[in-house]
Amino acid sequence: MASMEIIVAAENYTDSIQLAEKVKDILEHTRGTYNDIKVGKISLSESDEDYIEDTFIQKLNFNIEIL
């Protein structure tokens, strides 16, 4: 099992949510072998949001199943 954090930033809240959803949809449907590493299921494990210096931040944490 591996994990990764992706941070999405946008000038408005709606754009930040829409972009975070696109990232989530792409990753959760990704499978395959990359540099001889077999990747199984990728799932969102945690999310958080913040507002810093006029920027909406979406933090997405994913668990990655390594086969």
PDB file of N, CA and C in Angstrom:
ATOM      1  N   MET A   1       0.857  -1.177   0.000  1.00  0.00           N
ATOM      2  CA  MET A   1       0.000   0.000   0.000  1.00  0.00           C
ATOM      3  C   MET A   1       0.898   1.233   0.000  1.00  0.00           C
ATOM      4  N   ALA A   2       0.514   2.198  -0.789  1.00  0.00           N
ATOM      5  CA  ALA A   2       1.195   3.483  -0.835  1.00  0.00           C
ATOM      6  C   ALA A   2       0.132   4.564  -0.689  1.00  0.00           C
ATOM      7  N   SER A   3       0.568   5.763  -0.457  1.00  0.00           N
ATOM      8  CA  SER A   3      -0.383   6.874  -0.368  1.00  0.00           C
ATOM      9  C   SER A   3       0.212   8.096  -1.030  1.00  0.00           C
ATOM     10  N   MET A   4      -0.661   9.025  -1.412  1.00  0.00           N
ATOM     11  CA  MET A   4      -0.209  10.295  -1.974  1.00  0.00           C
ATOM     12  C   MET A   4      -1.219  11.382  -1.640  1.00  0.00           C
ATOM     13  N   GLU A   5      -0.729  12.599  -1.590  1.00  0.00           N
ATOM     14  CA  GLU A   5      -1.574  13.763  -1.344  1.00  0.00           C
ATOM     15  C   GLU A   5      -1.508  14.651  -2.569  1.00  0.00           C
ATOM     16  N   ILE A   6      -2.656  15.084  -3.023  1.00  0.00           N
ATOM     17  CA  ILE A   6      -2.742  16.018  -4.139  1.00  0.00           C
ATOM     18  C   ILE A   6      -3.435  17.266  -3.630  1.00  0.00           C
ATOM     19  N   ILE A   7      -2.873  18.406  -3.973  1.00  0.00           N
ATOM     20  CA  ILE A   7      -3.439  19.678  -3.558  1.00  0.00           C
ATOM     21  C   ILE A   7      -3.935  20.408  -4.800  1.00  0.00           C
ATOM     22  N   VAL A   8      -5.205  20.802  -4.769  1.00  0.00           N
ATOM     23  CA  VAL A   8      -5.840  21.543  -5.850  1.00  0.00           C
ATOM     24  C   VAL A   8      -6.075  22.958  -5.345  1.00  0.00           C
ATOM     25  N   ALA A   9      -5.735  23.953  -6.170  1.00  0.00           N
ATOM     26  CA  ALA A   9      -5.920  25.352  -5.784  1.00  0.00           C
ATOM     27  C   ALA A   9      -6.631  26.100  -6.905  1.00  0.00           C
ATOM     28  N   ALA A  10      -7.561  26.978  -6.533  1.00  0.00           N
ATOM     29  CA  ALA A  10      -8.298  27.775  -7.511  1.00  0.00           C
ATOM     30  C   ALA A  10      -8.721  29.099  -6.883  1.00  0.00           C
ATOM     31  N   GLU A  11      -9.057  30.046  -7.739  1.00  0.00           N
ATOM     32  CA  GLU A  11      -9.454  31.374  -7.265  1.00  0.00           C
ATOM     33  C   GLU A  11     -10.865  31.405  -6.686  1.00  0.00           C
ATOM     34  N   ASN A  12     -11.717  30.444  -7.085  1.00  0.00           N
ATOM     35  CA  ASN A  12     -13.054  30.415  -6.494  1.00  0.00           C
ATOM     36  C   ASN A  12     -13.398  28.998  -6.048  1.00  0.00           C
ATOM     37  N   TYR A  13     -14.341  28.930  -5.122  1.00  0.00           N
ATOM     38  CA  TYR A  13     -14.675  27.660  -4.470  1.00  0.00           C
ATOM     39  C   TYR A  13     -15.209  26.628  -5.461  1.00  0.00           C
ATOM     40  N   THR A  14     -16.102  27.036  -6.336  1.00  0.00           N
ATOM     41  CA  THR A  14     -16.708  26.113  -7.291  1.00  0.00           C
ATOM     42  C   THR A  14     -15.655  25.474  -8.179  1.00  0.00           C
ATOM     43  N   ASP A  15     -14.726  26.276  -8.690  1.00  0.00           N
ATOM     44  CA  ASP A  15     -13.662  25.731  -9.538  1.00  0.00           C
ATOM     45  C   ASP A  15     -12.792  24.741  -8.768  1.00  0.00           C
ATOM     46  N   SER A  16     -12.505  25.043  -7.506  1.00  0.00           N
ATOM     47  CA  SER A  16     -11.660  24.142  -6.719  1.00  0.00           C
ATOM     48  C   SER A  16     -12.347  22.794  -6.508  1.00  0.00           C
ATOM     49  N   ILE A  17     -13.647  22.812  -6.257  1.00  0.00           N
ATOM     50  CA  ILE A  17     -14.406  21.567  -6.071  1.00  0.00           C
ATOM     51  C   ILE A  17     -14.486  20.781  -7.381  1.00  0.00           C
ATOM     52  N   GLN A  18     -14.774  21.466  -8.479  1.00  0.00           N
ATOM     53  CA  GLN A  18     -14.890  20.782  -9.769  1.00  0.00           C
ATOM     54  C   GLN A  18     -13.565  20.147 -10.178  1.00  0.00           C
ATOM     55  N   LEU A  19     -12.464  20.855  -9.971  1.00  0.00           N
ATOM     56  CA  LEU A  19     -11.160  20.303 -10.318  1.00  0.00           C
ATOM     57  C   LEU A  19     -10.799  19.124  -9.415  1.00  0.00           C
ATOM     58  N   ALA A  20     -11.093  19.239  -8.131  1.00  0.00           N
ATOM     59  CA  ALA A  20     -10.834  18.132  -7.200  1.00  0.00           C
ATOM     60  C   ALA A  20     -11.644  16.897  -7.593  1.00  0.00           C
ATOM     61  N   GLU A  21     -12.874  17.072  -8.008  1.00  0.00           N
ATOM     62  CA  GLU A  21     -13.710  15.948  -8.452  1.00  0.00           C
ATOM     63  C   GLU A  21     -13.136  15.283  -9.699  1.00  0.00           C
ATOM     64  N   LYS A  22     -12.613  16.093 -10.635  1.00  0.00           N
ATOM     65  CA  LYS A  22     -12.008  15.527 -11.844  1.00  0.00           C
ATOM     66  C   LYS A  22     -10.777  14.698 -11.486  1.00  0.00           C
ATOM     67  N   VAL A  23      -9.941  15.226 -10.596  1.00  0.00           N
ATOM     68  CA  VAL A  23      -8.750  14.497 -10.163  1.00  0.00           C
ATOM     69  C   VAL A  23      -9.160  13.176  -9.522  1.00  0.00           C
ATOM     70  N   LYS A  24     -10.140  13.227  -8.633  1.00  0.00           N
ATOM     71  CA  LYS A  24     -10.624  12.021  -7.943  1.00  0.00           C
ATOM     72  C   LYS A  24     -11.147  10.997  -8.950  1.00  0.00           C
ATOM     73  N   ASP A  25     -11.969  11.436  -9.885  1.00  0.00           N
ATOM     74  CA  ASP A  25     -12.538  10.517 -10.877  1.00  0.00           C
ATOM     75  C   ASP A  25     -11.453   9.853 -11.721  1.00  0.00           C
ATOM     76  N   ILE A  26     -10.461  10.619 -12.138  1.00  0.00           N
ATOM     77  CA  ILE A  26      -9.383  10.063 -12.957  1.00  0.00           C
ATOM     78  C   ILE A  26      -8.586   9.038 -12.164  1.00  0.00           C
ATOM     79  N   LEU A  27      -8.181   9.396 -10.953  1.00  0.00           N
ATOM     80  CA  LEU A  27      -7.352   8.487 -10.167  1.00  0.00           C
ATOM     81  C   LEU A  27      -8.094   7.223  -9.763  1.00  0.00           C
ATOM     82  N   GLU A  28      -9.356   7.346  -9.384  1.00  0.00           N
ATOM     83  CA  GLU A  28     -10.100   6.168  -8.951  1.00  0.00           C
ATOM     84  C   GLU A  28     -10.394   5.198 -10.090  1.00  0.00           C
ATOM     85  N   HIS A  29     -10.192   5.618 -11.324  1.00  0.00           N
ATOM     86  CA  HIS A  29     -10.402   4.731 -12.473  1.00  0.00           C
ATOM     87  C   HIS A  29      -9.079   4.340 -13.134  1.00  0.00           C
ATOM     88  N   THR A  30      -7.971   4.598 -12.462  1.00  0.00           N
ATOM     89  CA  THR A  30      -6.653   4.284 -13.002  1.00  0.00           C
ATOM     90  C   THR A  30      -6.161   2.935 -12.480  1.00  0.00           C
ATOM     91  N   ARG A  31      -5.706   2.100 -13.376  1.00  0.00           N
ATOM     92  CA  ARG A  31      -5.099   0.811 -13.055  1.00  0.00           C
ATOM     93  C   ARG A  31      -3.971   0.609 -14.049  1.00  0.00           C
ATOM     94  N   GLY A  32      -3.057  -0.280 -13.751  1.00  0.00           N
ATOM     95  CA  GLY A  32      -2.046  -0.607 -14.737  1.00  0.00           C
ATOM     96  C   GLY A  32      -0.668  -0.766 -14.140  1.00  0.00           C
ATOM     97  N   THR A  33       0.308  -0.896 -15.021  1.00  0.00           N
ATOM     98  CA  THR A  33       1.701  -1.057 -14.625  1.00  0.00           C
ATOM     99  C   THR A  33       2.468   0.185 -15.062  1.00  0.00           C
ATOM    100  N   TYR A  34       3.176   0.772 -14.136  1.00  0.00           N
ATOM    101  CA  TYR A  34       3.947   1.990 -14.377  1.00  0.00           C
ATOM    102  C   TYR A  34       5.359   1.778 -13.850  1.00  0.00           C
ATOM    103  N   ASN A  35       6.350   1.795 -14.752  1.00  0.00           N
ATOM    104  CA  ASN A  35       7.747   1.528 -14.368  1.00  0.00           C
ATOM    105  C   ASN A  35       7.859   0.235 -13.571  1.00  0.00           C
ATOM    106  N   ASP A  36       7.219  -0.811 -14.061  1.00  0.00           N
ATOM    107  CA  ASP A  36       7.236  -2.146 -13.439  1.00  0.00           C
ATOM    108  C   ASP A  36       6.520  -2.216 -12.094  1.00  0.00           C
ATOM    109  N   ILE A  37       5.757  -1.201 -11.739  1.00  0.00           N
ATOM    110  CA  ILE A  37       4.956  -1.214 -10.508  1.00  0.00           C
ATOM    111  C   ILE A  37       3.503  -1.425 -10.915  1.00  0.00           C
ATOM    112  N   LYS A  38       2.908  -2.496 -10.404  1.00  0.00           N
ATOM    113  CA  LYS A  38       1.517  -2.796 -10.727  1.00  0.00           C
ATOM    114  C   LYS A  38       0.598  -2.085  -9.738  1.00  0.00           C
ATOM    115  N   VAL A  39      -0.221  -1.198 -10.280  1.00  0.00           N
ATOM    116  CA  VAL A  39      -1.137  -0.407  -9.468  1.00  0.00           C
ATOM    117  C   VAL A  39      -2.533  -0.995  -9.578  1.00  0.00           C
ATOM    118  N   GLY A  40      -3.120  -1.297  -8.429  1.00  0.00           N
ATOM    119  CA  GLY A  40      -4.488  -1.792  -8.372  1.00  0.00           C
ATOM    120  C   GLY A  40      -5.425  -0.636  -8.077  1.00  0.00           C
ATOM    121  N   LYS A  41      -6.263  -0.824  -7.118  1.00  0.00           N
ATOM    122  CA  LYS A  41      -7.277   0.168  -6.759  1.00  0.00           C
ATOM    123  C   LYS A  41      -6.648   1.419  -6.128  1.00  0.00           C
ATOM    124  N   ILE A  42      -7.130   2.577  -6.551  1.00  0.00           N
ATOM    125  CA  ILE A  42      -6.771   3.851  -5.934  1.00  0.00           C
ATOM    126  C   ILE A  42      -8.053   4.412  -5.340  1.00  0.00           C
ATOM    127  N   SER A  43      -8.012   4.777  -4.061  1.00  0.00           N
ATOM    128  CA  SER A  43      -9.224   5.279  -3.423  1.00  0.00           C
ATOM    129  C   SER A  43      -8.918   6.500  -2.559  1.00  0.00           C
ATOM    130  N   LEU A  44      -9.868   7.408  -2.545  1.00  0.00           N
ATOM    131  CA  LEU A  44      -9.761   8.605  -1.715  1.00  0.00           C
ATOM    132  C   LEU A  44      -9.921   8.189  -0.258  1.00  0.00           C
ATOM    133  N   SER A  45      -8.955   8.538   0.563  1.00  0.00           N
ATOM    134  CA  SER A  45      -9.014   8.152   1.974  1.00  0.00           C
ATOM    135  C   SER A  45      -9.395   9.315   2.880  1.00  0.00           C
ATOM    136  N   GLU A  46      -9.092  10.526   2.435  1.00  0.00           N
ATOM    137  CA  GLU A  46      -9.356  11.691   3.273  1.00  0.00           C
ATOM    138  C   GLU A  46      -9.312  12.943   2.407  1.00  0.00           C
ATOM    139  N   SER A  47     -10.098  13.937   2.781  1.00  0.00           N
ATOM    140  CA  SER A  47     -10.038  15.223   2.089  1.00  0.00           C
ATOM    141  C   SER A  47     -10.227  16.340   3.102  1.00  0.00           C
ATOM    142  N   ASP A  48      -9.705  17.498   2.728  1.00  0.00           N
ATOM    143  CA  ASP A  48      -9.796  18.660   3.597  1.00  0.00           C
ATOM    144  C   ASP A  48      -9.780  19.887   2.697  1.00  0.00           C
ATOM    145  N   GLU A  49     -10.321  20.979   3.192  1.00  0.00           N
ATOM    146  CA  GLU A  49     -10.277  22.202   2.407  1.00  0.00           C
ATOM    147  C   GLU A  49      -9.823  23.363   3.271  1.00  0.00           C
ATOM    148  N   ASP A  50      -9.289  24.377   2.575  1.00  0.00           N
ATOM    149  CA  ASP A  50      -8.753  25.533   3.283  1.00  0.00           C
ATOM    150  C   ASP A  50      -8.908  26.751   2.381  1.00  0.00           C
ATOM    151  N   TYR A  51      -8.724  27.905   2.939  1.00  0.00           N
ATOM    152  CA  TYR A  51      -8.752  29.156   2.191  1.00  0.00           C
ATOM    153  C   TYR A  51      -7.552  29.963   2.653  1.00  0.00           C
ATOM    154  N   ILE A  52      -6.582  30.135   1.765  1.00  0.00           N
ATOM    155  CA  ILE A  52      -5.334  30.807   2.105  1.00  0.00           C
ATOM    156  C   ILE A  52      -5.016  31.860   1.038  1.00  0.00           C
ATOM    157  N   GLU A  53      -4.792  33.085   1.475  1.00  0.00           N
ATOM    158  CA  GLU A  53      -4.382  34.170   0.573  1.00  0.00           C
ATOM    159  C   GLU A  53      -5.233  34.232  -0.690  1.00  0.00           C
ATOM    160  N   ASP A  54      -6.533  34.355  -0.535  1.00  0.00           N
ATOM    161  CA  ASP A  54      -7.488  34.472  -1.642  1.00  0.00           C
ATOM    162  C   ASP A  54      -7.510  33.253  -2.569  1.00  0.00           C
ATOM    163  N   THR A  55      -7.130  32.097  -2.046  1.00  0.00           N
ATOM    164  CA  THR A  55      -7.105  30.871  -2.845  1.00  0.00           C
ATOM    165  C   THR A  55      -7.825  29.762  -2.095  1.00  0.00           C
ATOM    166  N   PHE A  56      -8.714  29.063  -2.810  1.00  0.00           N
ATOM    167  CA  PHE A  56      -9.427  27.911  -2.242  1.00  0.00           C
ATOM    168  C   PHE A  56      -8.582  26.664  -2.479  1.00  0.00           C
ATOM    169  N   ILE A  57      -8.314  25.927  -1.417  1.00  0.00           N
ATOM    170  CA  ILE A  57      -7.437  24.762  -1.446  1.00  0.00           C
ATOM    171  C   ILE A  57      -8.248  23.511  -1.121  1.00  0.00           C
ATOM    172  N   GLN A  58      -8.083  22.477  -1.951  1.00  0.00           N
ATOM    173  CA  GLN A  58      -8.665  21.165  -1.696  1.00  0.00           C
ATOM    174  C   GLN A  58      -7.499  20.188  -1.547  1.00  0.00           C
ATOM    175  N   LYS A  59      -7.397  19.526  -0.401  1.00  0.00           N
ATOM    176  CA  LYS A  59      -6.343  18.536  -0.162  1.00  0.00           C
ATOM    177  C   LYS A  59      -6.968  17.152  -0.244  1.00  0.00           C
ATOM    178  N   LEU A  60      -6.443  16.330  -1.130  1.00  0.00           N
ATOM    179  CA  LEU A  60      -6.975  14.994  -1.356  1.00  0.00           C
ATOM    180  C   LEU A  60      -5.897  13.968  -1.026  1.00  0.00           C
ATOM    181  N   ASN A  61      -6.208  13.031  -0.154  1.00  0.00           N
ATOM    182  CA  ASN A  61      -5.290  11.942   0.193  1.00  0.00           C
ATOM    183  C   ASN A  61      -5.836  10.645  -0.384  1.00  0.00           C
ATOM    184  N   PHE A  62      -4.981   9.930  -1.099  1.00  0.00           N
ATOM    185  CA  PHE A  62      -5.365   8.692  -1.762  1.00  0.00           C
ATOM    186  C   PHE A  62      -4.528   7.525  -1.249  1.00  0.00           C
ATOM    187  N   ASN A  63      -5.164   6.362  -1.122  1.00  0.00           N
ATOM    188  CA  ASN A  63      -4.478   5.102  -0.876  1.00  0.00           C
ATOM    189  C   ASN A  63      -4.342   4.387  -2.208  1.00  0.00           C
ATOM    190  N   ILE A  64      -3.156   3.806  -2.441  1.00  0.00           N
ATOM    191  CA  ILE A  64      -2.869   3.131  -3.695  1.00  0.00           C
ATOM    192  C   ILE A  64      -2.507   1.683  -3.384  1.00  0.00           C
ATOM    193  N   GLU A  65      -3.240   0.779  -3.980  1.00  0.00           N
ATOM    194  CA  GLU A  65      -2.962  -0.653  -3.810  1.00  0.00           C
ATOM    195  C   GLU A  65      -1.865  -1.056  -4.794  1.00  0.00           C
ATOM    196  N   ILE A  66      -0.748  -1.546  -4.268  1.00  0.00           N
ATOM    197  CA  ILE A  66       0.343  -2.034  -5.102  1.00  0.00           C
ATOM    198  C   ILE A  66       0.232  -3.554  -5.185  1.00  0.00           C
ATOM    199  N   LEU A  67       0.174  -4.080  -6.390  1.00  0.00           N
ATOM    200  CA  LEU A  67      -0.006  -5.526  -6.578  1.00  0.00           C
ATOM    201  C   LEU A  67       1.323  -6.233  -6.725  1.00  0.00           C
TER     202      LEU A  67
END
